[in-house]
Amino acid sequence: MSELTLTAVFTPDEDGWTMAQLAEWPAVVTCGRTVDEARDMLIDAAREMLASYRDEGRQPPIGTGHVEALTIDTAA
């Protein structure tokens, strides 16, 4: 696998930092002071996780979760 395209989710926290997580692989999560820094950190974290799985001879669990839209009654 030489290239992989995944979905990055960036969420600001209450301290002004940005949390970054991969939608298809939620275990890959990090944060940075800016979106750019969080993106760089997320790419690095994903590479490290991929290397770890490769070293252990396992396939990474990318995109194996269940995804669905939820409707939440906010008046409740």
C-alpha atoms as a PDB file:
ATOM      1  CA  MET A   1       0.000   0.000   0.000  1.00  0.00           C
ATOM      2  CA  SER A   2       1.731   3.158  -1.155  1.00  0.00           C
ATOM      3  CA  GLU A   3      -1.132   5.634  -0.818  1.00  0.00           C
ATOM      4  CA  LEU A   4      -4.215   5.743   1.344  1.00  0.00           C
ATOM      5  CA  THR A   5      -6.917   8.415   1.433  1.00  0.00           C
ATOM      6  CA  LEU A   6      -8.801   8.753   4.714  1.00  0.00           C
ATOM      7  CA  THR A   7     -11.155  11.318   6.247  1.00  0.00           C
ATOM      8  CA  ALA A   8      -9.685  13.669   8.852  1.00  0.00           C
ATOM      9  CA  VAL A   9     -12.087  15.185  11.388  1.00  0.00           C
ATOM     10  CA  PHE A  10     -10.893  18.376  13.104  1.00  0.00           C
ATOM     11  CA  THR A  11     -12.637  19.533  16.271  1.00  0.00           C
ATOM     12  CA  PRO A  12     -11.660  22.616  18.290  1.00  0.00           C
ATOM     13  CA  ASP A  13     -11.441  22.089  22.035  1.00  0.00           C
ATOM     14  CA  GLU A  14     -12.221  24.506  24.841  1.00  0.00           C
ATOM     15  CA  ASP A  15      -8.542  25.444  25.256  1.00  0.00           C
ATOM     16  CA  GLY A  16      -8.158  26.607  21.647  1.00  0.00           C
ATOM     17  CA  TRP A  17      -6.378  23.480  20.406  1.00  0.00           C
ATOM     18  CA  THR A  18      -7.624  21.318  17.536  1.00  0.00           C
ATOM     19  CA  MET A  19      -8.285  17.603  17.980  1.00  0.00           C
ATOM     20  CA  ALA A  20      -7.718  15.528  14.834  1.00  0.00           C
ATOM     21  CA  GLN A  21      -9.028  12.013  14.277  1.00  0.00           C
ATOM     22  CA  LEU A  22      -9.446   9.657  11.350  1.00  0.00           C
ATOM     23  CA  ALA A  23     -13.111   8.848  10.674  1.00  0.00           C
ATOM     24  CA  GLU A  24     -12.244   5.434   9.214  1.00  0.00           C
ATOM     25  CA  TRP A  25      -9.770   4.606  12.003  1.00  0.00           C
ATOM     26  CA  PRO A  26     -10.877   6.341  15.225  1.00  0.00           C
ATOM     27  CA  ALA A  27      -7.947   4.973  17.233  1.00  0.00           C
ATOM     28  CA  VAL A  28      -5.710   7.406  15.326  1.00  0.00           C
ATOM     29  CA  VAL A  29      -6.255  10.642  17.204  1.00  0.00           C
ATOM     30  CA  THR A  30      -4.019  13.581  18.152  1.00  0.00           C
ATOM     31  CA  CYS A  31      -4.170  17.340  18.600  1.00  0.00           C
ATOM     32  CA  GLY A  32      -2.310  20.482  17.651  1.00  0.00           C
ATOM     33  CA  ARG A  33      -2.369  24.226  18.258  1.00  0.00           C
ATOM     34  CA  THR A  34      -3.706  24.832  14.728  1.00  0.00           C
ATOM     35  CA  VAL A  35      -5.495  22.782  12.083  1.00  0.00           C
ATOM     36  CA  ASP A  36      -2.260  22.637  10.079  1.00  0.00           C
ATOM     37  CA  GLU A  37      -0.298  21.351  13.067  1.00  0.00           C
ATOM     38  CA  ALA A  38      -3.061  18.870  13.938  1.00  0.00           C
ATOM     39  CA  ARG A  39      -3.074  17.623  10.319  1.00  0.00           C
ATOM     40  CA  ASP A  40       0.693  17.069  10.376  1.00  0.00           C
ATOM     41  CA  MET A  41       0.425  15.277  13.717  1.00  0.00           C
ATOM     42  CA  LEU A  42      -2.428  13.109  12.413  1.00  0.00           C
ATOM     43  CA  ILE A  43      -0.450  12.058   9.337  1.00  0.00           C
ATOM     44  CA  ASP A  44       2.490  11.168  11.568  1.00  0.00           C
ATOM     45  CA  ALA A  45       0.250   9.225  13.970  1.00  0.00           C
ATOM     46  CA  ALA A  46      -1.333   7.299  11.073  1.00  0.00           C
ATOM     47  CA  ARG A  47       2.093   6.415   9.665  1.00  0.00           C
ATOM     48  CA  GLU A  48       3.250   5.196  13.083  1.00  0.00           C
ATOM     49  CA  MET A  49       0.097   3.099  13.556  1.00  0.00           C
ATOM     50  CA  LEU A  50       0.486   1.584  10.064  1.00  0.00           C
ATOM     51  CA  ALA A  51       4.127   0.751  10.800  1.00  0.00           C
ATOM     52  CA  SER A  52       3.157  -0.856  14.106  1.00  0.00           C
ATOM     53  CA  TYR A  53       0.546  -3.051  12.454  1.00  0.00           C
ATOM     54  CA  ARG A  54       2.978  -3.952   9.654  1.00  0.00           C
ATOM     55  CA  ASP A  55       5.672  -4.884  12.198  1.00  0.00           C
ATOM     56  CA  GLU A  56       3.174  -7.180  13.938  1.00  0.00           C
ATOM     57  CA  GLY A  57       2.085  -8.738  10.641  1.00  0.00           C
ATOM     58  CA  ARG A  58      -1.498  -7.518  11.058  1.00  0.00           C
ATOM     59  CA  GLN A  59      -3.865  -5.609   8.806  1.00  0.00           C
ATOM     60  CA  PRO A  60      -4.971  -2.250  10.243  1.00  0.00           C
ATOM     61  CA  PRO A  61      -8.709  -2.065  11.053  1.00  0.00           C
ATOM     62  CA  ILE A  62      -9.382   0.803   8.658  1.00  0.00           C
ATOM     63  CA  GLY A  63     -12.997   1.318   7.691  1.00  0.00           C
ATOM     64  CA  THR A  64     -14.233  -1.800   9.457  1.00  0.00           C
ATOM     65  CA  GLY A  65     -16.631  -0.003  11.784  1.00  0.00           C
ATOM     66  CA  HIS A  66     -20.358   0.529  11.435  1.00  0.00           C
ATOM     67  CA  VAL A  67     -21.443   4.016  10.315  1.00  0.00           C
ATOM     68  CA  GLU A  68     -24.967   5.385  10.426  1.00  0.00           C
ATOM     69  CA  ALA A  69     -26.754   8.714  10.670  1.00  0.00           C
ATOM     70  CA  LEU A  70     -28.498   9.410  13.969  1.00  0.00           C
ATOM     71  CA  THR A  71     -31.385  11.807  14.534  1.00  0.00           C
ATOM     72  CA  ILE A  72     -31.384  13.210  18.049  1.00  0.00           C
ATOM     73  CA  ASP A  73     -34.340  15.038  19.594  1.00  0.00           C
ATOM     74  CA  THR A  74     -32.670  18.078  21.145  1.00  0.00           C
ATOM     75  CA  ALA A  75     -35.847  19.087  22.976  1.00  0.00           C
ATOM     76  CA  ALA A  76     -35.700  16.025  25.217  1.00  0.00           C
END
